[in-house]
Amino acid sequence: FTPVEMIVAISLLSIMAVIAWRGLDYVAGQRERIDRDTEELSRILRVLSQLERDVAQRAPDFMLPAQSAPGVLPASIVVMATDGAVSLEVVRIAPRAGGPARAQRIVYRITDAALTRSVSTSGTDLPVAQAANPVELLPGARRLGVRAFAGGFWSEPGSSDVGVQPPVRATALEVAIESSDGARYVRVFAL
């Protein structure tokens, strides 16, 4: 082999090595992004599953004090909108093996750019104690939206929207969580 042939062969090998290295770097970067997205999606699915379980375990209306004016939502679900921030409150029957039923208050809200879940102590006394000690479920959550489906229309409970008149009991509850990166996750629960 002449020195020129050796230089050409080494140059071609180095070009192919750079191309292969860039390809491997791209694949590794994509894998890291996919792992990150998978973890975020898994966290969101766990939160929505917990929310679905809380709504499914809500206390029946006959267990709670009668409301002065019947609303669209069951008595065990309250949506409050204050200063543009929405909170979802569910009074549920805490799972317990044996003994009397124990009620528990669960509150979901956005605080400090995260979706939090607060839980009260479970007890047999009514009214149920206030929820405390919020636990951060979804960091980076920007907005919590709740709508009820009643009488063929979607309305936002807790807002100035009066919904269907006279009030008809809601058959579905939609919960939407918006993250700070613009993603929106929606789940509809049957009531």
N, C-alpha and C. Protein backbone atom coordinates (compact mmCIF):
# COMPACT_ATOMS: atom_id res chain seq x y z
N PHE A 1 0.84 -1.20 0.00
CA PHE A 1 0.00 0.00 0.00
C PHE A 1 0.86 1.24 0.00
N THR A 2 0.42 2.21 -0.75
CA THR A 2 1.14 3.48 -0.78
C THR A 2 0.63 4.35 0.36
N PRO A 3 1.39 5.35 0.77
CA PRO A 3 0.94 6.25 1.84
C PRO A 3 -0.36 6.98 1.47
N VAL A 4 -0.56 7.29 0.21
CA VAL A 4 -1.79 7.97 -0.21
C VAL A 4 -2.99 7.06 0.00
N GLU A 5 -2.87 5.81 -0.36
CA GLU A 5 -3.97 4.86 -0.16
C GLU A 5 -4.29 4.71 1.32
N MET A 6 -3.26 4.67 2.17
CA MET A 6 -3.47 4.55 3.61
C MET A 6 -4.19 5.78 4.15
N ILE A 7 -3.83 6.96 3.73
CA ILE A 7 -4.47 8.20 4.19
C ILE A 7 -5.94 8.22 3.75
N VAL A 8 -6.23 7.80 2.53
CA VAL A 8 -7.61 7.75 2.03
C VAL A 8 -8.42 6.75 2.85
N ALA A 9 -7.87 5.57 3.11
CA ALA A 9 -8.58 4.54 3.87
C ALA A 9 -8.85 5.02 5.30
N ILE A 10 -7.87 5.62 5.95
CA ILE A 10 -8.05 6.12 7.31
C ILE A 10 -9.07 7.25 7.32
N SER A 11 -9.04 8.13 6.34
CA SER A 11 -10.01 9.24 6.26
C SER A 11 -11.42 8.70 6.11
N LEU A 12 -11.61 7.70 5.23
CA LEU A 12 -12.94 7.11 5.05
C LEU A 12 -13.43 6.44 6.34
N LEU A 13 -12.55 5.73 7.01
CA LEU A 13 -12.93 5.09 8.27
C LEU A 13 -13.28 6.12 9.34
N SER A 14 -12.55 7.21 9.41
CA SER A 14 -12.86 8.24 10.41
C SER A 14 -14.19 8.92 10.10
N ILE A 15 -14.50 9.15 8.83
CA ILE A 15 -15.80 9.74 8.46
C ILE A 15 -16.93 8.79 8.84
N MET A 16 -16.76 7.49 8.55
CA MET A 16 -17.79 6.51 8.91
C MET A 16 -17.93 6.42 10.43
N ALA A 17 -16.83 6.53 11.19
CA ALA A 17 -16.90 6.48 12.65
C ALA A 17 -17.67 7.68 13.20
N VAL A 18 -17.44 8.87 12.64
CA VAL A 18 -18.16 10.07 13.08
C VAL A 18 -19.65 9.92 12.79
N ILE A 19 -20.00 9.43 11.63
CA ILE A 19 -21.41 9.24 11.27
C ILE A 19 -22.06 8.21 12.21
N ALA A 20 -21.37 7.12 12.47
CA ALA A 20 -21.91 6.10 13.37
C ALA A 20 -22.05 6.64 14.79
N TRP A 21 -21.06 7.42 15.27
CA TRP A 21 -21.13 8.01 16.61
C TRP A 21 -22.31 8.95 16.73
N ARG A 22 -22.54 9.78 15.72
CA ARG A 22 -23.68 10.71 15.76
C ARG A 22 -24.99 9.95 15.75
N GLY A 23 -25.07 8.87 15.00
CA GLY A 23 -26.28 8.06 14.98
C GLY A 23 -26.54 7.42 16.34
N LEU A 24 -25.51 6.88 16.96
CA LEU A 24 -25.66 6.29 18.29
C LEU A 24 -26.04 7.34 19.33
N ASP A 25 -25.45 8.52 19.23
CA ASP A 25 -25.79 9.61 20.15
C ASP A 25 -27.25 10.01 20.00
N TYR A 26 -27.74 10.07 18.78
CA TYR A 26 -29.15 10.40 18.52
C TYR A 26 -30.07 9.33 19.12
N VAL A 27 -29.74 8.07 18.92
CA VAL A 27 -30.57 6.97 19.46
C VAL A 27 -30.58 7.02 20.98
N ALA A 28 -29.43 7.27 21.61
CA ALA A 28 -29.36 7.35 23.07
C ALA A 28 -30.18 8.53 23.58
N GLY A 29 -30.12 9.66 22.90
CA GLY A 29 -30.91 10.83 23.29
C GLY A 29 -32.41 10.56 23.17
N GLN A 30 -32.81 9.87 22.12
CA GLN A 30 -34.22 9.53 21.94
C GLN A 30 -34.68 8.57 23.04
N ARG A 31 -33.84 7.65 23.40
CA ARG A 31 -34.21 6.71 24.47
C ARG A 31 -34.41 7.44 25.79
N GLU A 32 -33.53 8.38 26.11
CA GLU A 32 -33.69 9.16 27.34
C GLU A 32 -34.99 9.96 27.31
N ARG A 33 -35.33 10.55 26.18
CA ARG A 33 -36.58 11.31 26.05
C ARG A 33 -37.78 10.39 26.20
N ILE A 34 -37.73 9.22 25.59
CA ILE A 34 -38.83 8.26 25.70
C ILE A 34 -38.99 7.79 27.15
N ASP A 35 -37.89 7.53 27.84
CA ASP A 35 -37.96 7.12 29.25
C ASP A 35 -38.58 8.22 30.10
N ARG A 36 -38.20 9.47 29.85
CA ARG A 36 -38.74 10.61 30.59
C ARG A 36 -40.24 10.76 30.33
N ASP A 37 -40.65 10.67 29.05
CA ASP A 37 -42.07 10.77 28.69
C ASP A 37 -42.88 9.61 29.26
N THR A 38 -42.29 8.42 29.28
CA THR A 38 -42.98 7.25 29.84
C THR A 38 -43.21 7.42 31.33
N GLU A 39 -42.22 7.92 32.04
CA GLU A 39 -42.37 8.16 33.48
C GLU A 39 -43.45 9.21 33.75
N GLU A 40 -43.46 10.28 32.97
CA GLU A 40 -44.49 11.32 33.15
C GLU A 40 -45.88 10.77 32.85
N LEU A 41 -46.01 10.01 31.78
CA LEU A 41 -47.31 9.43 31.44
C LEU A 41 -47.76 8.43 32.50
N SER A 42 -46.83 7.66 33.03
CA SER A 42 -47.16 6.72 34.10
C SER A 42 -47.66 7.46 35.33
N ARG A 43 -47.01 8.57 35.68
CA ARG A 43 -47.44 9.36 36.83
C ARG A 43 -48.84 9.93 36.60
N ILE A 44 -49.11 10.42 35.40
CA ILE A 44 -50.42 10.98 35.09
C ILE A 44 -51.50 9.90 35.15
N LEU A 45 -51.20 8.72 34.63
CA LEU A 45 -52.18 7.62 34.69
C LEU A 45 -52.45 7.19 36.13
N ARG A 46 -51.42 7.19 36.98
CA ARG A 46 -51.63 6.86 38.39
C ARG A 46 -52.53 7.89 39.06
N VAL A 47 -52.31 9.17 38.77
CA VAL A 47 -53.12 10.24 39.36
C VAL A 47 -54.57 10.11 38.89
N LEU A 48 -54.77 9.91 37.60
CA LEU A 48 -56.14 9.78 37.08
C LEU A 48 -56.82 8.53 37.62
N SER A 49 -56.08 7.46 37.82
CA SER A 49 -56.65 6.24 38.40
C SER A 49 -57.04 6.48 39.86
N GLN A 50 -56.21 7.21 40.60
CA GLN A 50 -56.54 7.54 42.00
C GLN A 50 -57.78 8.41 42.05
N LEU A 51 -57.87 9.37 41.17
CA LEU A 51 -59.03 10.24 41.11
C LEU A 51 -60.29 9.44 40.76
N GLU A 52 -60.16 8.51 39.82
CA GLU A 52 -61.29 7.67 39.45
C GLU A 52 -61.73 6.80 40.64
N ARG A 53 -60.77 6.28 41.39
CA ARG A 53 -61.10 5.46 42.55
C ARG A 53 -61.81 6.30 43.62
N ASP A 54 -61.34 7.53 43.84
CA ASP A 54 -61.97 8.40 44.83
C ASP A 54 -63.41 8.73 44.43
N VAL A 55 -63.63 9.02 43.14
CA VAL A 55 -64.99 9.34 42.68
C VAL A 55 -65.88 8.10 42.77
N ALA A 56 -65.34 6.93 42.44
CA ALA A 56 -66.14 5.70 42.50
C ALA A 56 -66.52 5.35 43.94
N GLN A 57 -65.68 5.73 44.91
CA GLN A 57 -65.95 5.42 46.31
C GLN A 57 -66.68 6.55 47.03
N ARG A 58 -67.23 7.50 46.27
CA ARG A 58 -67.90 8.64 46.90
C ARG A 58 -69.06 8.16 47.78
N ALA A 59 -69.33 8.95 48.78
CA ALA A 59 -70.40 8.61 49.71
C ALA A 59 -71.75 8.78 49.03
N PRO A 60 -72.70 7.88 49.29
CA PRO A 60 -74.04 8.06 48.72
C PRO A 60 -74.73 9.27 49.34
N ASP A 61 -75.64 9.88 48.59
CA ASP A 61 -76.30 11.11 49.03
C ASP A 61 -77.02 10.94 50.36
N PHE A 62 -77.57 9.77 50.63
CA PHE A 62 -78.35 9.60 51.85
C PHE A 62 -77.49 9.65 53.11
N MET A 63 -76.15 9.50 52.96
CA MET A 63 -75.26 9.55 54.12
C MET A 63 -74.89 10.97 54.51
N LEU A 64 -75.07 11.92 53.60
CA LEU A 64 -74.63 13.29 53.85
C LEU A 64 -75.83 14.17 54.19
N PRO A 65 -75.59 15.28 54.86
CA PRO A 65 -76.69 16.20 55.17
C PRO A 65 -77.36 16.68 53.88
N ALA A 66 -78.67 16.88 53.95
CA ALA A 66 -79.43 17.34 52.77
C ALA A 66 -78.98 18.73 52.37
N GLN A 67 -78.91 18.97 51.08
CA GLN A 67 -78.54 20.29 50.56
C GLN A 67 -79.78 21.15 50.50
N SER A 68 -79.59 22.45 50.72
CA SER A 68 -80.74 23.36 50.66
C SER A 68 -81.34 23.42 49.27
N ALA A 69 -80.50 23.42 48.26
CA ALA A 69 -80.97 23.41 46.87
C ALA A 69 -80.23 22.30 46.16
N PRO A 70 -80.95 21.33 45.60
CA PRO A 70 -80.24 20.24 44.93
C PRO A 70 -79.42 20.77 43.76
N GLY A 71 -78.21 20.26 43.63
CA GLY A 71 -77.35 20.70 42.55
C GLY A 71 -77.23 19.65 41.47
N VAL A 72 -76.37 19.94 40.53
CA VAL A 72 -76.14 19.03 39.42
C VAL A 72 -75.30 17.83 39.88
N LEU A 73 -74.33 18.10 40.74
CA LEU A 73 -73.43 17.04 41.22
C LEU A 73 -74.00 16.35 42.45
N PRO A 74 -73.58 15.12 42.69
CA PRO A 74 -73.98 14.46 43.94
C PRO A 74 -73.49 15.26 45.14
N ALA A 75 -74.12 15.08 46.29
CA ALA A 75 -73.76 15.83 47.49
C ALA A 75 -72.33 15.56 47.93
N SER A 76 -71.77 14.43 47.54
CA SER A 76 -70.42 14.07 47.96
C SER A 76 -69.32 14.67 47.09
N ILE A 77 -69.69 15.38 46.03
CA ILE A 77 -68.70 16.01 45.14
C ILE A 77 -68.97 17.51 45.10
N VAL A 78 -67.95 18.28 45.43
CA VAL A 78 -68.07 19.73 45.43
C VAL A 78 -66.93 20.31 44.59
N VAL A 79 -67.28 21.21 43.68
CA VAL A 79 -66.28 21.91 42.87
C VAL A 79 -66.33 23.37 43.27
N MET A 80 -65.18 23.91 43.66
CA MET A 80 -65.10 25.31 44.06
C MET A 80 -64.14 26.04 43.14
N ALA A 81 -64.58 27.21 42.69
CA ALA A 81 -63.72 28.06 41.85
C ALA A 81 -63.51 29.38 42.58
N THR A 82 -62.26 29.63 42.98
CA THR A 82 -61.92 30.88 43.64
C THR A 82 -60.71 31.48 42.94
N ASP A 83 -60.85 32.71 42.51
CA ASP A 83 -59.77 33.44 41.83
C ASP A 83 -59.22 32.66 40.64
N GLY A 84 -60.09 31.99 39.90
CA GLY A 84 -59.68 31.25 38.72
C GLY A 84 -59.09 29.88 39.01
N ALA A 85 -58.87 29.56 40.28
CA ALA A 85 -58.34 28.25 40.65
C ALA A 85 -59.49 27.34 41.04
N VAL A 86 -59.48 26.14 40.51
CA VAL A 86 -60.55 25.18 40.77
C VAL A 86 -60.04 24.12 41.73
N SER A 87 -60.89 23.75 42.67
CA SER A 87 -60.56 22.62 43.54
C SER A 87 -61.72 21.64 43.49
N LEU A 88 -61.39 20.37 43.53
CA LEU A 88 -62.37 19.29 43.49
C LEU A 88 -62.33 18.58 44.84
N GLU A 89 -63.49 18.52 45.49
CA GLU A 89 -63.58 17.90 46.80
C GLU A 89 -64.53 16.72 46.71
N VAL A 90 -64.09 15.57 47.22
CA VAL A 90 -64.88 14.35 47.19
C VAL A 90 -64.95 13.79 48.61
N VAL A 91 -66.17 13.52 49.08
CA VAL A 91 -66.33 12.82 50.35
C VAL A 91 -66.54 11.37 49.98
N ARG A 92 -65.62 10.53 50.42
CA ARG A 92 -65.69 9.12 50.03
C ARG A 92 -65.77 8.24 51.27
N ILE A 93 -66.20 7.03 51.05
CA ILE A 93 -66.21 6.04 52.11
C ILE A 93 -64.85 5.35 52.07
N ALA A 94 -64.09 5.52 53.14
CA ALA A 94 -62.75 4.94 53.21
C ALA A 94 -62.85 3.43 53.30
N PRO A 95 -62.09 2.71 52.50
CA PRO A 95 -62.13 1.26 52.56
C PRO A 95 -61.69 0.77 53.94
N ARG A 96 -62.48 -0.15 54.51
CA ARG A 96 -62.16 -0.66 55.83
C ARG A 96 -62.74 -2.06 55.98
N ALA A 97 -61.96 -2.94 56.51
CA ALA A 97 -62.42 -4.31 56.73
C ALA A 97 -63.15 -4.38 58.06
N GLY A 98 -64.46 -4.64 58.02
CA GLY A 98 -65.25 -4.75 59.24
C GLY A 98 -65.48 -3.41 59.91
N GLY A 99 -66.46 -3.34 60.79
CA GLY A 99 -66.74 -2.11 61.52
C GLY A 99 -67.60 -1.15 60.73
N PRO A 100 -67.92 0.00 61.33
CA PRO A 100 -68.79 0.97 60.65
C PRO A 100 -68.07 1.66 59.49
N ALA A 101 -68.87 2.17 58.57
CA ALA A 101 -68.31 2.92 57.44
C ALA A 101 -67.64 4.18 57.95
N ARG A 102 -66.54 4.54 57.32
CA ARG A 102 -65.80 5.73 57.74
C ARG A 102 -65.68 6.67 56.54
N ALA A 103 -66.11 7.89 56.75
CA ALA A 103 -66.06 8.89 55.68
C ALA A 103 -64.73 9.63 55.71
N GLN A 104 -64.32 10.09 54.54
CA GLN A 104 -63.04 10.78 54.39
C GLN A 104 -63.19 11.85 53.32
N ARG A 105 -62.62 13.02 53.55
CA ARG A 105 -62.67 14.11 52.58
C ARG A 105 -61.35 14.16 51.81
N ILE A 106 -61.46 14.20 50.47
CA ILE A 106 -60.30 14.27 49.57
C ILE A 106 -60.42 15.58 48.79
N VAL A 107 -59.35 16.34 48.70
CA VAL A 107 -59.37 17.60 47.96
C VAL A 107 -58.21 17.61 46.96
N TYR A 108 -58.54 17.83 45.68
CA TYR A 108 -57.55 18.00 44.62
C TYR A 108 -57.52 19.48 44.25
N ARG A 109 -56.33 20.05 44.16
CA ARG A 109 -56.19 21.45 43.73
C ARG A 109 -54.77 21.70 43.23
N ILE A 110 -54.63 22.81 42.52
CA ILE A 110 -53.31 23.23 42.03
C ILE A 110 -52.73 24.20 43.06
N THR A 111 -51.57 23.86 43.60
CA THR A 111 -50.85 24.75 44.51
C THR A 111 -49.38 24.71 44.16
N ASP A 112 -48.77 25.87 44.07
CA ASP A 112 -47.34 25.99 43.76
C ASP A 112 -46.96 25.21 42.51
N ALA A 113 -47.73 25.39 41.44
CA ALA A 113 -47.46 24.77 40.14
C ALA A 113 -47.40 23.25 40.22
N ALA A 114 -48.27 22.66 41.03
CA ALA A 114 -48.35 21.20 41.13
C ALA A 114 -49.78 20.81 41.53
N LEU A 115 -50.22 19.68 41.04
CA LEU A 115 -51.51 19.14 41.47
C LEU A 115 -51.28 18.42 42.79
N THR A 116 -52.07 18.80 43.79
CA THR A 116 -51.93 18.19 45.10
C THR A 116 -53.22 17.47 45.50
N ARG A 117 -53.08 16.52 46.42
CA ARG A 117 -54.21 15.78 46.97
C ARG A 117 -54.10 15.83 48.48
N SER A 118 -55.13 16.38 49.12
CA SER A 118 -55.19 16.45 50.57
C SER A 118 -56.23 15.46 51.06
N VAL A 119 -55.99 14.86 52.21
CA VAL A 119 -56.87 13.84 52.75
C VAL A 119 -57.14 14.15 54.21
N SER A 120 -58.41 14.00 54.62
CA SER A 120 -58.76 14.17 56.03
C SER A 120 -58.63 12.83 56.73
N THR A 121 -58.67 12.86 58.04
CA THR A 121 -58.71 11.61 58.78
C THR A 121 -60.08 10.99 58.57
N SER A 122 -60.15 9.68 58.54
CA SER A 122 -61.43 9.02 58.34
C SER A 122 -62.13 8.88 59.68
N GLY A 123 -63.45 9.06 59.65
CA GLY A 123 -64.21 8.96 60.88
C GLY A 123 -65.67 8.69 60.60
N THR A 124 -66.41 8.44 61.65
CA THR A 124 -67.84 8.14 61.52
C THR A 124 -68.70 9.37 61.76
N ASP A 125 -68.09 10.48 62.19
CA ASP A 125 -68.85 11.69 62.49
C ASP A 125 -69.08 12.53 61.25
N LEU A 126 -70.25 13.18 61.20
CA LEU A 126 -70.55 14.14 60.14
C LEU A 126 -70.72 15.49 60.77
N PRO A 127 -70.29 16.56 60.18
CA PRO A 127 -69.59 16.64 58.91
C PRO A 127 -68.16 16.09 59.01
N VAL A 128 -67.65 15.69 57.88
CA VAL A 128 -66.31 15.10 57.79
C VAL A 128 -65.27 16.19 58.04
N ALA A 129 -64.20 15.83 58.68
CA ALA A 129 -63.12 16.78 58.98
C ALA A 129 -62.54 17.36 57.69
N GLN A 130 -61.94 18.53 57.81
CA GLN A 130 -61.31 19.18 56.66
C GLN A 130 -60.03 18.44 56.26
N ALA A 131 -59.77 18.41 54.97
CA ALA A 131 -58.57 17.74 54.45
C ALA A 131 -57.34 18.58 54.77
N ALA A 132 -56.25 17.91 55.05
CA ALA A 132 -55.00 18.60 55.39
C ALA A 132 -53.83 17.84 54.80
N ASN A 133 -52.64 18.37 54.99
CA ASN A 133 -51.39 17.75 54.56
C ASN A 133 -51.40 17.40 53.07
N PRO A 134 -51.38 18.41 52.20
CA PRO A 134 -51.39 18.11 50.76
C PRO A 134 -50.13 17.38 50.32
N VAL A 135 -50.34 16.42 49.42
CA VAL A 135 -49.25 15.64 48.84
C VAL A 135 -49.16 16.00 47.36
N GLU A 136 -47.97 16.32 46.90
CA GLU A 136 -47.77 16.70 45.49
C GLU A 136 -47.86 15.45 44.62
N LEU A 137 -48.81 15.48 43.67
CA LEU A 137 -48.99 14.35 42.76
C LEU A 137 -48.35 14.59 41.40
N LEU A 138 -48.60 15.77 40.84
CA LEU A 138 -48.10 16.10 39.50
C LEU A 138 -47.37 17.43 39.51
N PRO A 139 -46.05 17.42 39.58
CA PRO A 139 -45.34 18.70 39.46
C PRO A 139 -45.50 19.25 38.05
N GLY A 140 -45.56 20.53 37.93
CA GLY A 140 -45.68 21.16 36.62
C GLY A 140 -47.11 21.30 36.14
N ALA A 141 -48.09 20.96 36.96
CA ALA A 141 -49.49 21.14 36.57
C ALA A 141 -49.83 22.62 36.68
N ARG A 142 -50.54 23.13 35.69
CA ARG A 142 -50.85 24.55 35.65
C ARG A 142 -52.31 24.83 35.93
N ARG A 143 -53.20 23.94 35.51
CA ARG A 143 -54.64 24.20 35.64
C ARG A 143 -55.40 22.89 35.83
N LEU A 144 -56.41 22.96 36.68
CA LEU A 144 -57.33 21.85 36.89
C LEU A 144 -58.70 22.32 36.43
N GLY A 145 -59.30 21.58 35.53
CA GLY A 145 -60.63 21.92 35.03
C GLY A 145 -61.60 20.79 35.32
N VAL A 146 -62.81 21.15 35.75
CA VAL A 146 -63.84 20.16 36.06
C VAL A 146 -65.13 20.59 35.39
N ARG A 147 -65.75 19.66 34.66
CA ARG A 147 -67.05 19.93 34.04
C ARG A 147 -67.98 18.76 34.35
N ALA A 148 -69.28 19.06 34.40
CA ALA A 148 -70.29 18.04 34.64
C ALA A 148 -71.19 17.94 33.42
N PHE A 149 -71.59 16.71 33.09
CA PHE A 149 -72.50 16.48 31.97
C PHE A 149 -73.87 16.18 32.55
N ALA A 150 -74.81 17.09 32.31
CA ALA A 150 -76.16 16.94 32.85
C ALA A 150 -77.16 17.48 31.84
N GLY A 151 -78.20 16.73 31.60
CA GLY A 151 -79.26 17.18 30.71
C GLY A 151 -78.80 17.40 29.28
N GLY A 152 -77.75 16.69 28.85
CA GLY A 152 -77.26 16.83 27.49
C GLY A 152 -76.28 17.97 27.28
N PHE A 153 -75.86 18.65 28.36
CA PHE A 153 -74.96 19.79 28.25
C PHE A 153 -73.80 19.63 29.22
N TRP A 154 -72.65 20.18 28.84
CA TRP A 154 -71.50 20.26 29.73
C TRP A 154 -71.55 21.61 30.43
N SER A 155 -71.35 21.64 31.72
CA SER A 155 -71.28 22.91 32.46
C SER A 155 -70.17 22.81 33.49
N GLU A 156 -69.70 23.95 33.92
CA GLU A 156 -68.62 24.00 34.90
C GLU A 156 -69.21 24.30 36.28
N PRO A 157 -69.32 23.29 37.14
CA PRO A 157 -69.84 23.54 38.48
C PRO A 157 -68.90 24.45 39.25
N GLY A 158 -69.47 25.25 40.11
CA GLY A 158 -68.67 26.17 40.91
C GLY A 158 -68.40 27.49 40.22
N SER A 159 -68.76 27.61 38.94
CA SER A 159 -68.58 28.88 38.24
C SER A 159 -69.91 29.59 38.15
N SER A 160 -69.95 30.71 37.47
CA SER A 160 -71.19 31.46 37.32
C SER A 160 -72.12 30.81 36.30
N ASP A 161 -71.65 29.79 35.62
CA ASP A 161 -72.46 29.06 34.65
C ASP A 161 -73.58 28.33 35.39
N VAL A 162 -74.83 28.64 35.08
CA VAL A 162 -75.94 28.06 35.82
C VAL A 162 -76.30 26.67 35.32
N GLY A 163 -75.90 26.29 34.15
CA GLY A 163 -76.17 24.95 33.64
C GLY A 163 -77.63 24.78 33.27
N VAL A 164 -78.12 23.56 33.39
CA VAL A 164 -79.47 23.21 32.99
C VAL A 164 -80.44 23.66 34.07
N GLN A 165 -81.54 24.28 33.67
CA GLN A 165 -82.58 24.69 34.62
C GLN A 165 -83.87 24.01 34.27
N PRO A 166 -84.59 23.36 35.14
CA PRO A 166 -84.17 23.10 36.51
C PRO A 166 -83.01 22.12 36.54
N PRO A 167 -82.24 22.12 37.64
CA PRO A 167 -81.06 21.26 37.70
C PRO A 167 -81.39 19.78 37.49
N VAL A 168 -80.62 19.15 36.65
CA VAL A 168 -80.74 17.72 36.37
C VAL A 168 -79.47 17.08 36.90
N ARG A 169 -79.59 15.92 37.50
CA ARG A 169 -78.43 15.25 38.08
C ARG A 169 -77.42 14.90 36.99
N ALA A 170 -76.16 15.19 37.25
CA ALA A 170 -75.09 14.91 36.28
C ALA A 170 -74.89 13.41 36.13
N THR A 171 -74.58 13.00 34.92
CA THR A 171 -74.31 11.59 34.64
C THR A 171 -72.83 11.33 34.41
N ALA A 172 -72.05 12.39 34.24
CA ALA A 172 -70.61 12.24 34.02
C ALA A 172 -69.86 13.45 34.56
N LEU A 173 -68.62 13.23 34.93
CA LEU A 173 -67.74 14.27 35.43
C LEU A 173 -66.46 14.22 34.62
N GLU A 174 -66.08 15.36 34.05
CA GLU A 174 -64.85 15.44 33.25
C GLU A 174 -63.80 16.20 34.05
N VAL A 175 -62.63 15.62 34.16
CA VAL A 175 -61.51 16.28 34.84
C VAL A 175 -60.40 16.46 33.83
N ALA A 176 -59.92 17.69 33.69
CA ALA A 176 -58.84 18.00 32.76
C ALA A 176 -57.68 18.61 33.54
N ILE A 177 -56.49 18.11 33.27
CA ILE A 177 -55.28 18.63 33.90
C ILE A 177 -54.38 19.16 32.81
N GLU A 178 -54.00 20.43 32.93
CA GLU A 178 -53.09 21.04 31.96
C GLU A 178 -51.73 21.22 32.61
N SER A 179 -50.70 20.83 31.89
CA SER A 179 -49.34 20.98 32.42
C SER A 179 -48.73 22.27 31.90
N SER A 180 -47.64 22.66 32.51
CA SER A 180 -46.99 23.92 32.13
C SER A 180 -46.40 23.87 30.73
N ASP A 181 -46.17 22.67 30.18
CA ASP A 181 -45.64 22.58 28.82
C ASP A 181 -46.75 22.55 27.76
N GLY A 182 -48.01 22.74 28.19
CA GLY A 182 -49.12 22.84 27.25
C GLY A 182 -49.88 21.54 27.02
N ALA A 183 -49.41 20.43 27.58
CA ALA A 183 -50.12 19.16 27.42
C ALA A 183 -51.40 19.19 28.24
N ARG A 184 -52.43 18.51 27.74
CA ARG A 184 -53.73 18.47 28.43
C ARG A 184 -54.18 17.02 28.52
N TYR A 185 -54.50 16.60 29.73
CA TYR A 185 -54.93 15.24 29.99
C TYR A 185 -56.36 15.27 30.52
N VAL A 186 -57.24 14.51 29.88
CA VAL A 186 -58.67 14.56 30.22
C VAL A 186 -59.15 13.15 30.50
N ARG A 187 -59.97 13.02 31.53
CA ARG A 187 -60.62 11.74 31.84
C ARG A 187 -62.06 12.06 32.22
N VAL A 188 -62.99 11.22 31.72
CA VAL A 188 -64.41 11.37 32.04
C VAL A 188 -64.82 10.19 32.91
N PHE A 189 -65.47 10.51 34.03
CA PHE A 189 -65.92 9.52 34.99
C PHE A 189 -67.44 9.45 34.99
N ALA A 190 -68.00 8.26 34.97
CA ALA A 190 -69.45 8.10 35.08
C ALA A 190 -69.87 8.33 36.52
N LEU A 191 -70.98 9.02 36.69
CA LEU A 191 -71.51 9.26 38.05
C LEU A 191 -72.71 8.39 38.32
